């Protein structure tokens, strides 16, 4: 089978740190209080909202396995929209690369009205493919939707606006592996987890270190996509 990741070359010079800490979901209030009480004076930067993703992978899960094996070039392909609805407008297709704690991504806005309750996966792909740059079209000939996940996200920003923090909780996943149409009902068992992610442009590594020093938790490699696919075929 075609090695999808070997054909991905993200045309962007922008990169940022993306460092995660994983907490028990019962600690969400405590984690939020640590963020707000931080010496960098983090404040709400945006109203909380639901984040929704459709993740794509190959038939043999090349992208998932590259993450599990810790490959230097690791990619995620997802279709994202916001708020609690299966009917949405102004979504976006993202191809995201990660190497260590540094991430880059390209984003393709999808200015279409989409209703997942009344479309097939082939129908969705037919709609969104024209909005993807030609050099990335081959990726969608070799991948398919394998997972939907959604969660609640809170947004914070430091007083100097250099560091951003998100808190993700109430994380749910629905496998799409054997479905020709979106399955919106058969959720996997709920995992009560709170994910804190600290983000900053790659130039601000010292500022990132200063922020991390005040949190009582180790940084860890964590992917909602990987954890959402734990029970899928290997």
C-alpha atoms as a PDB file:
ATOM      1  CA  UNK A   1       0.000   0.000   0.000  1.00  0.00           C
ATOM      2  CA  UNK A   2       1.138   3.563  -0.718  1.00  0.00           C
ATOM      3  CA  UNK A   3       3.051   5.100   2.191  1.00  0.00           C
ATOM      4  CA  UNK A   4       0.934   8.191   2.759  1.00  0.00           C
ATOM      5  CA  UNK A   5       3.247   9.911   5.242  1.00  0.00           C
ATOM      6  CA  UNK A   6       6.211   9.770   2.851  1.00  0.00           C
ATOM      7  CA  UNK A   7       4.215  11.883   0.386  1.00  0.00           C
ATOM      8  CA  UNK A   8       3.299  14.658   2.827  1.00  0.00           C
ATOM      9  CA  UNK A   9       5.388  17.815   2.716  1.00  0.00           C
ATOM     10  CA  UNK A  10       3.756  20.627   4.661  1.00  0.00           C
ATOM     11  CA  UNK A  11       4.438  23.916   2.881  1.00  0.00           C
ATOM     12  CA  UNK A  12       4.695  26.154   5.939  1.00  0.00           C
ATOM     13  CA  UNK A  13       7.500  27.780   7.911  1.00  0.00           C
ATOM     14  CA  UNK A  14       5.369  28.258  11.028  1.00  0.00           C
ATOM     15  CA  UNK A  15       5.915  25.939  13.984  1.00  0.00           C
ATOM     16  CA  UNK A  16       4.892  26.090  17.614  1.00  0.00           C
ATOM     17  CA  UNK A  17       5.439  24.227  20.849  1.00  0.00           C
ATOM     18  CA  UNK A  18       2.578  21.961  21.866  1.00  0.00           C
ATOM     19  CA  UNK A  19       3.209  20.427  25.286  1.00  0.00           C
ATOM     20  CA  UNK A  20       0.582  18.316  27.041  1.00  0.00           C
ATOM     21  CA  UNK A  21      -0.169  17.271  30.588  1.00  0.00           C
ATOM     22  CA  UNK A  22      -2.803  14.633  31.353  1.00  0.00           C
ATOM     23  CA  UNK A  23      -4.982  14.776  34.472  1.00  0.00           C
ATOM     24  CA  UNK A  24      -7.876  12.784  35.843  1.00  0.00           C
ATOM     25  CA  UNK A  25     -11.117  14.434  34.749  1.00  0.00           C
ATOM     26  CA  UNK A  26     -12.124  14.815  38.391  1.00  0.00           C
ATOM     27  CA  UNK A  27      -9.245  17.300  38.718  1.00  0.00           C
ATOM     28  CA  UNK A  28     -10.542  19.648  36.003  1.00  0.00           C
ATOM     29  CA  UNK A  29     -11.584  22.352  38.479  1.00  0.00           C
ATOM     30  CA  UNK A  30      -8.195  22.109  40.226  1.00  0.00           C
ATOM     31  CA  UNK A  31      -6.302  22.345  36.926  1.00  0.00           C
ATOM     32  CA  UNK A  32      -8.347  25.373  35.887  1.00  0.00           C
ATOM     33  CA  UNK A  33      -7.546  27.074  39.203  1.00  0.00           C
ATOM     34  CA  UNK A  34      -3.818  26.399  38.671  1.00  0.00           C
ATOM     35  CA  UNK A  35      -3.993  28.055  35.251  1.00  0.00           C
ATOM     36  CA  UNK A  36      -5.872  31.111  36.526  1.00  0.00           C
ATOM     37  CA  UNK A  37      -3.572  31.388  39.576  1.00  0.00           C
ATOM     38  CA  UNK A  38      -0.359  31.144  37.534  1.00  0.00           C
ATOM     39  CA  UNK A  39       2.201  33.936  37.873  1.00  0.00           C
ATOM     40  CA  UNK A  40       1.863  34.633  34.121  1.00  0.00           C
ATOM     41  CA  UNK A  41      -1.669  35.872  34.803  1.00  0.00           C
ATOM     42  CA  UNK A  42      -3.585  33.655  32.417  1.00  0.00           C
ATOM     43  CA  UNK A  43      -7.079  34.812  31.565  1.00  0.00           C
ATOM     44  CA  UNK A  44      -9.913  33.456  29.464  1.00  0.00           C
ATOM     45  CA  UNK A  45      -9.056  34.192  25.846  1.00  0.00           C
ATOM     46  CA  UNK A  46     -12.172  32.823  24.172  1.00  0.00           C
ATOM     47  CA  UNK A  47     -15.539  31.360  25.236  1.00  0.00           C
ATOM     48  CA  UNK A  48     -15.552  27.632  25.947  1.00  0.00           C
ATOM     49  CA  UNK A  49     -16.954  25.512  23.128  1.00  0.00           C
ATOM     50  CA  UNK A  50     -17.224  21.979  21.823  1.00  0.00           C
ATOM     51  CA  UNK A  51     -14.524  20.864  19.375  1.00  0.00           C
ATOM     52  CA  UNK A  52     -15.398  18.117  16.875  1.00  0.00           C
ATOM     53  CA  UNK A  53     -13.041  16.142  14.636  1.00  0.00           C
ATOM     54  CA  UNK A  54     -13.228  13.518  11.930  1.00  0.00           C
ATOM     55  CA  UNK A  55      -9.863  11.742  11.745  1.00  0.00           C
ATOM     56  CA  UNK A  56      -8.600  10.092   8.566  1.00  0.00           C
ATOM     57  CA  UNK A  57      -6.172   7.200   8.225  1.00  0.00           C
ATOM     58  CA  UNK A  58      -5.182   4.532   5.716  1.00  0.00           C
ATOM     59  CA  UNK A  59      -6.703   1.050   5.542  1.00  0.00           C
ATOM     60  CA  UNK A  60      -3.713  -0.281   7.524  1.00  0.00           C
ATOM     61  CA  UNK A  61      -3.553   2.661   9.979  1.00  0.00           C
ATOM     62  CA  UNK A  62      -0.199   4.032   8.860  1.00  0.00           C
ATOM     63  CA  UNK A  63      -0.693   7.403  10.566  1.00  0.00           C
ATOM     64  CA  UNK A  64      -1.782   5.881  13.873  1.00  0.00           C
ATOM     65  CA  UNK A  65       1.105   3.394  13.887  1.00  0.00           C
ATOM     66  CA  UNK A  66       3.665   6.119  13.137  1.00  0.00           C
ATOM     67  CA  UNK A  67       2.570   7.865  16.351  1.00  0.00           C
ATOM     68  CA  UNK A  68       2.633   4.665  18.403  1.00  0.00           C
ATOM     69  CA  UNK A  69       6.119   3.803  17.109  1.00  0.00           C
ATOM     70  CA  UNK A  70       7.397   7.308  17.808  1.00  0.00           C
ATOM     71  CA  UNK A  71       8.444   8.029  14.228  1.00  0.00           C
ATOM     72  CA  UNK A  72      10.136  11.376  13.673  1.00  0.00           C
ATOM     73  CA  UNK A  73       7.612  12.343  10.965  1.00  0.00           C
ATOM     74  CA  UNK A  74       4.119  11.958  12.396  1.00  0.00           C
ATOM     75  CA  UNK A  75       0.957  13.304  10.832  1.00  0.00           C
ATOM     76  CA  UNK A  76      -2.717  13.686  11.619  1.00  0.00           C
ATOM     77  CA  UNK A  77      -5.425  14.453   9.099  1.00  0.00           C
ATOM     78  CA  UNK A  78      -8.692  15.764  10.475  1.00  0.00           C
ATOM     79  CA  UNK A  79     -11.827  17.653   9.523  1.00  0.00           C
ATOM     80  CA  UNK A  80     -12.736  20.063  12.364  1.00  0.00           C
ATOM     81  CA  UNK A  81     -15.738  22.157  13.309  1.00  0.00           C
ATOM     82  CA  UNK A  82     -17.063  23.750  16.483  1.00  0.00           C
ATOM     83  CA  UNK A  83     -20.134  23.740  18.741  1.00  0.00           C
ATOM     84  CA  UNK A  84     -22.565  20.982  19.638  1.00  0.00           C
ATOM     85  CA  UNK A  85     -24.046  20.041  16.274  1.00  0.00           C
ATOM     86  CA  UNK A  86     -23.770  17.487  13.468  1.00  0.00           C
ATOM     87  CA  UNK A  87     -24.941  20.177  11.026  1.00  0.00           C
ATOM     88  CA  UNK A  88     -22.330  22.859  10.528  1.00  0.00           C
ATOM     89  CA  UNK A  89     -20.896  25.552   8.294  1.00  0.00           C
ATOM     90  CA  UNK A  90     -17.359  26.927   7.994  1.00  0.00           C
ATOM     91  CA  UNK A  91     -15.407  23.848   9.022  1.00  0.00           C
ATOM     92  CA  UNK A  92     -11.781  23.217   8.121  1.00  0.00           C
ATOM     93  CA  UNK A  93      -9.565  20.375   6.937  1.00  0.00           C
ATOM     94  CA  UNK A  94      -6.216  20.202   8.756  1.00  0.00           C
ATOM     95  CA  UNK A  95      -3.035  18.267   8.006  1.00  0.00           C
ATOM     96  CA  UNK A  96      -0.870  18.412  11.096  1.00  0.00           C
ATOM     97  CA  UNK A  97       2.757  17.363  11.585  1.00  0.00           C
ATOM     98  CA  UNK A  98       4.496  16.761  14.915  1.00  0.00           C
ATOM     99  CA  UNK A  99       8.187  16.285  15.675  1.00  0.00           C
ATOM    100  CA  UNK A 100       8.988  16.149  19.365  1.00  0.00           C
ATOM    101  CA  UNK A 101       7.128  19.039  21.008  1.00  0.00           C
ATOM    102  CA  UNK A 102       7.049  21.151  17.839  1.00  0.00           C
ATOM    103  CA  UNK A 103       4.021  21.081  15.568  1.00  0.00           C
ATOM    104  CA  UNK A 104       3.120  22.549  12.181  1.00  0.00           C
ATOM    105  CA  UNK A 105      -0.076  22.362  10.156  1.00  0.00           C
ATOM    106  CA  UNK A 106      -1.779  23.489   6.995  1.00  0.00           C
ATOM    107  CA  UNK A 107      -5.450  24.445   7.104  1.00  0.00           C
ATOM    108  CA  UNK A 108      -8.014  24.384   4.293  1.00  0.00           C
ATOM    109  CA  UNK A 109     -11.252  26.281   5.071  1.00  0.00           C
ATOM    110  CA  UNK A 110     -14.386  24.398   3.954  1.00  0.00           C
ATOM    111  CA  UNK A 111     -17.113  27.084   3.488  1.00  0.00           C
ATOM    112  CA  UNK A 112     -19.936  24.604   2.985  1.00  0.00           C
ATOM    113  CA  UNK A 113     -23.050  23.609   4.854  1.00  0.00           C
ATOM    114  CA  UNK A 114     -22.552  19.977   5.913  1.00  0.00           C
ATOM    115  CA  UNK A 115     -25.074  17.672   7.579  1.00  0.00           C
ATOM    116  CA  UNK A 116     -23.512  14.472   8.911  1.00  0.00           C
ATOM    117  CA  UNK A 117     -26.949  13.038   9.672  1.00  0.00           C
ATOM    118  CA  UNK A 118     -27.835  12.823   5.985  1.00  0.00           C
ATOM    119  CA  UNK A 119     -24.611  12.191   4.058  1.00  0.00           C
ATOM    120  CA  UNK A 120     -22.299   9.296   3.298  1.00  0.00           C
ATOM    121  CA  UNK A 121     -18.553   9.427   3.791  1.00  0.00           C
ATOM    122  CA  UNK A 122     -18.079   9.348   0.019  1.00  0.00           C
ATOM    123  CA  UNK A 123     -20.509  12.234  -0.277  1.00  0.00           C
ATOM    124  CA  UNK A 124     -18.595  14.249   2.312  1.00  0.00           C
ATOM    125  CA  UNK A 125     -15.259  13.627   0.594  1.00  0.00           C
ATOM    126  CA  UNK A 126     -16.722  14.650  -2.751  1.00  0.00           C
ATOM    127  CA  UNK A 127     -17.816  17.956  -1.204  1.00  0.00           C
ATOM    128  CA  UNK A 128     -14.604  18.886   0.578  1.00  0.00           C
ATOM    129  CA  UNK A 129     -12.000  17.655  -1.920  1.00  0.00           C
ATOM    130  CA  UNK A 130     -12.245  20.738  -4.240  1.00  0.00           C
ATOM    131  CA  UNK A 131     -11.134  22.973  -1.353  1.00  0.00           C
ATOM    132  CA  UNK A 132      -7.842  21.093  -0.834  1.00  0.00           C
ATOM    133  CA  UNK A 133      -4.702  22.257  -2.620  1.00  0.00           C
ATOM    134  CA  UNK A 134      -3.627  20.057  -5.517  1.00  0.00           C
ATOM    135  CA  UNK A 135      -0.376  18.929  -3.879  1.00  0.00           C
ATOM    136  CA  UNK A 136      -2.337  17.290  -1.040  1.00  0.00           C
ATOM    137  CA  UNK A 137      -5.089  15.682  -3.112  1.00  0.00           C
ATOM    138  CA  UNK A 138      -3.308  12.308  -3.255  1.00  0.00           C
ATOM    139  CA  UNK A 139      -3.634  11.940   0.514  1.00  0.00           C
ATOM    140  CA  UNK A 140      -7.408  11.670   0.276  1.00  0.00           C
ATOM    141  CA  UNK A 141      -7.229   8.961  -2.346  1.00  0.00           C
ATOM    142  CA  UNK A 142      -5.497   6.733   0.210  1.00  0.00           C
ATOM    143  CA  UNK A 143      -7.236   7.611   3.480  1.00  0.00           C
ATOM    144  CA  UNK A 144     -10.751   7.292   4.921  1.00  0.00           C
ATOM    145  CA  UNK A 145     -12.628   8.490   8.020  1.00  0.00           C
ATOM    146  CA  UNK A 146     -11.862   6.170  10.943  1.00  0.00           C
ATOM    147  CA  UNK A 147     -12.877   8.144  14.050  1.00  0.00           C
ATOM    148  CA  UNK A 148     -15.088  10.993  15.226  1.00  0.00           C
ATOM    149  CA  UNK A 149     -14.223  12.595  18.537  1.00  0.00           C
ATOM    150  CA  UNK A 150     -15.539  15.624  20.381  1.00  0.00           C
ATOM    151  CA  UNK A 151     -14.778  17.393  23.641  1.00  0.00           C
ATOM    152  CA  UNK A 152     -15.229  20.608  25.577  1.00  0.00           C
ATOM    153  CA  UNK A 153     -12.371  23.122  25.231  1.00  0.00           C
ATOM    154  CA  UNK A 154     -11.468  26.120  27.391  1.00  0.00           C
ATOM    155  CA  UNK A 155      -9.017  28.787  26.173  1.00  0.00           C
ATOM    156  CA  UNK A 156      -6.523  30.829  28.209  1.00  0.00           C
ATOM    157  CA  UNK A 157      -3.779  33.315  27.320  1.00  0.00           C
ATOM    158  CA  UNK A 158      -0.922  34.812  29.352  1.00  0.00           C
ATOM    159  CA  UNK A 159      -0.909  38.534  30.111  1.00  0.00           C
ATOM    160  CA  UNK A 160       1.882  39.110  27.557  1.00  0.00           C
ATOM    161  CA  UNK A 161      -0.075  37.048  24.982  1.00  0.00           C
ATOM    162  CA  UNK A 162       2.946  34.822  24.266  1.00  0.00           C
ATOM    163  CA  UNK A 163       1.634  31.595  25.817  1.00  0.00           C
ATOM    164  CA  UNK A 164      -1.718  29.921  25.248  1.00  0.00           C
ATOM    165  CA  UNK A 165      -3.266  27.117  27.272  1.00  0.00           C
ATOM    166  CA  UNK A 166      -6.241  24.941  26.395  1.00  0.00           C
ATOM    167  CA  UNK A 167      -8.106  22.579  28.728  1.00  0.00           C
ATOM    168  CA  UNK A 168      -9.989  19.705  27.080  1.00  0.00           C
ATOM    169  CA  UNK A 169     -12.478  17.601  29.023  1.00  0.00           C
ATOM    170  CA  UNK A 170     -15.522  15.357  28.470  1.00  0.00           C
ATOM    171  CA  UNK A 171     -13.735  13.576  25.623  1.00  0.00           C
ATOM    172  CA  UNK A 172     -15.892  11.192  23.561  1.00  0.00           C
ATOM    173  CA  UNK A 173     -15.017   8.992  20.558  1.00  0.00           C
ATOM    174  CA  UNK A 174     -17.039   7.083  17.957  1.00  0.00           C
ATOM    175  CA  UNK A 175     -15.372   4.542  15.659  1.00  0.00           C
ATOM    176  CA  UNK A 176     -16.114   4.893  11.930  1.00  0.00           C
ATOM    177  CA  UNK A 177     -13.994   2.031  10.617  1.00  0.00           C
ATOM    178  CA  UNK A 178     -16.758  -0.222   9.324  1.00  0.00           C
ATOM    179  CA  UNK A 179     -19.234   2.479   8.352  1.00  0.00           C
ATOM    180  CA  UNK A 180     -20.094   3.845   4.929  1.00  0.00           C
ATOM    181  CA  UNK A 181     -22.064   6.618   6.630  1.00  0.00           C
ATOM    182  CA  UNK A 182     -21.258   8.608   9.775  1.00  0.00           C
ATOM    183  CA  UNK A 183     -22.111   6.703  12.957  1.00  0.00           C
ATOM    184  CA  UNK A 184     -23.109   9.402  15.440  1.00  0.00           C
ATOM    185  CA  UNK A 185     -24.482   7.211  18.228  1.00  0.00           C
ATOM    186  CA  UNK A 186     -22.224   4.319  19.252  1.00  0.00           C
ATOM    187  CA  UNK A 187     -19.793   6.105  21.524  1.00  0.00           C
ATOM    188  CA  UNK A 188     -16.843   4.294  23.049  1.00  0.00           C
ATOM    189  CA  UNK A 189     -16.817   4.050  26.862  1.00  0.00           C
ATOM    190  CA  UNK A 190     -16.325   7.519  28.295  1.00  0.00           C
ATOM    191  CA  UNK A 191     -12.807   8.301  29.509  1.00  0.00           C
ATOM    192  CA  UNK A 192     -12.815  10.889  32.283  1.00  0.00           C
ATOM    193  CA  UNK A 193      -9.656  12.783  31.362  1.00  0.00           C
ATOM    194  CA  UNK A 194      -8.582  16.420  31.354  1.00  0.00           C
ATOM    195  CA  UNK A 195      -5.880  17.384  28.867  1.00  0.00           C
ATOM    196  CA  UNK A 196      -3.954  20.600  29.373  1.00  0.00           C
ATOM    197  CA  UNK A 197      -1.966  21.788  26.359  1.00  0.00           C
ATOM    198  CA  UNK A 198       0.530  24.649  26.526  1.00  0.00           C
ATOM    199  CA  UNK A 199       1.214  26.354  23.182  1.00  0.00           C
ATOM    200  CA  UNK A 200       3.635  29.017  22.023  1.00  0.00           C
ATOM    201  CA  UNK A 201       5.575  30.004  18.918  1.00  0.00           C
ATOM    202  CA  UNK A 202       8.854  28.107  18.591  1.00  0.00           C
ATOM    203  CA  UNK A 203      10.910  31.194  19.517  1.00  0.00           C
ATOM    204  CA  UNK A 204       9.553  31.225  23.074  1.00  0.00           C
ATOM    205  CA  UNK A 205      11.158  28.093  24.525  1.00  0.00           C
ATOM    206  CA  UNK A 206      12.373  29.893  27.658  1.00  0.00           C
ATOM    207  CA  UNK A 207       8.922  31.319  28.337  1.00  0.00           C
ATOM    208  CA  UNK A 208       7.444  27.824  27.926  1.00  0.00           C
ATOM    209  CA  UNK A 209       9.907  26.411  30.474  1.00  0.00           C
ATOM    210  CA  UNK A 210       8.967  29.131  32.958  1.00  0.00           C
ATOM    211  CA  UNK A 211       5.258  28.334  32.597  1.00  0.00           C
ATOM    212  CA  UNK A 212       5.777  24.586  32.946  1.00  0.00           C
ATOM    213  CA  UNK A 213       7.705  24.985  36.192  1.00  0.00           C
ATOM    214  CA  UNK A 214       4.548  25.975  38.101  1.00  0.00           C
ATOM    215  CA  UNK A 215       2.456  22.912  37.198  1.00  0.00           C
ATOM    216  CA  UNK A 216       2.661  19.774  39.404  1.00  0.00           C
ATOM    217  CA  UNK A 217       2.605  17.271  36.555  1.00  0.00           C
ATOM    218  CA  UNK A 218       4.986  15.740  34.047  1.00  0.00           C
ATOM    219  CA  UNK A 219       4.659  16.501  30.360  1.00  0.00           C
ATOM    220  CA  UNK A 220       3.609  13.494  28.320  1.00  0.00           C
ATOM    221  CA  UNK A 221       3.003  12.391  24.762  1.00  0.00           C
ATOM    222  CA  UNK A 222      -0.757  12.146  24.366  1.00  0.00           C
ATOM    223  CA  UNK A 223      -3.009  11.979  21.330  1.00  0.00           C
ATOM    224  CA  UNK A 224      -6.799  11.951  21.491  1.00  0.00           C
ATOM    225  CA  UNK A 225      -6.773  10.234  18.118  1.00  0.00           C
ATOM    226  CA  UNK A 226      -4.472   7.437  19.313  1.00  0.00           C
ATOM    227  CA  UNK A 227      -6.473   6.860  22.474  1.00  0.00           C
ATOM    228  CA  UNK A 228      -9.700   6.956  20.506  1.00  0.00           C
ATOM    229  CA  UNK A 229      -8.443   4.175  18.228  1.00  0.00           C
ATOM    230  CA  UNK A 230      -7.171   1.840  20.958  1.00  0.00           C
ATOM    231  CA  UNK A 231      -9.807  -0.821  20.239  1.00  0.00           C
ATOM    232  CA  UNK A 232      -9.610  -0.566  16.442  1.00  0.00           C
ATOM    233  CA  UNK A 233      -7.819  -3.208  14.315  1.00  0.00           C
ATOM    234  CA  UNK A 234      -4.007  -3.379  14.478  1.00  0.00           C
END
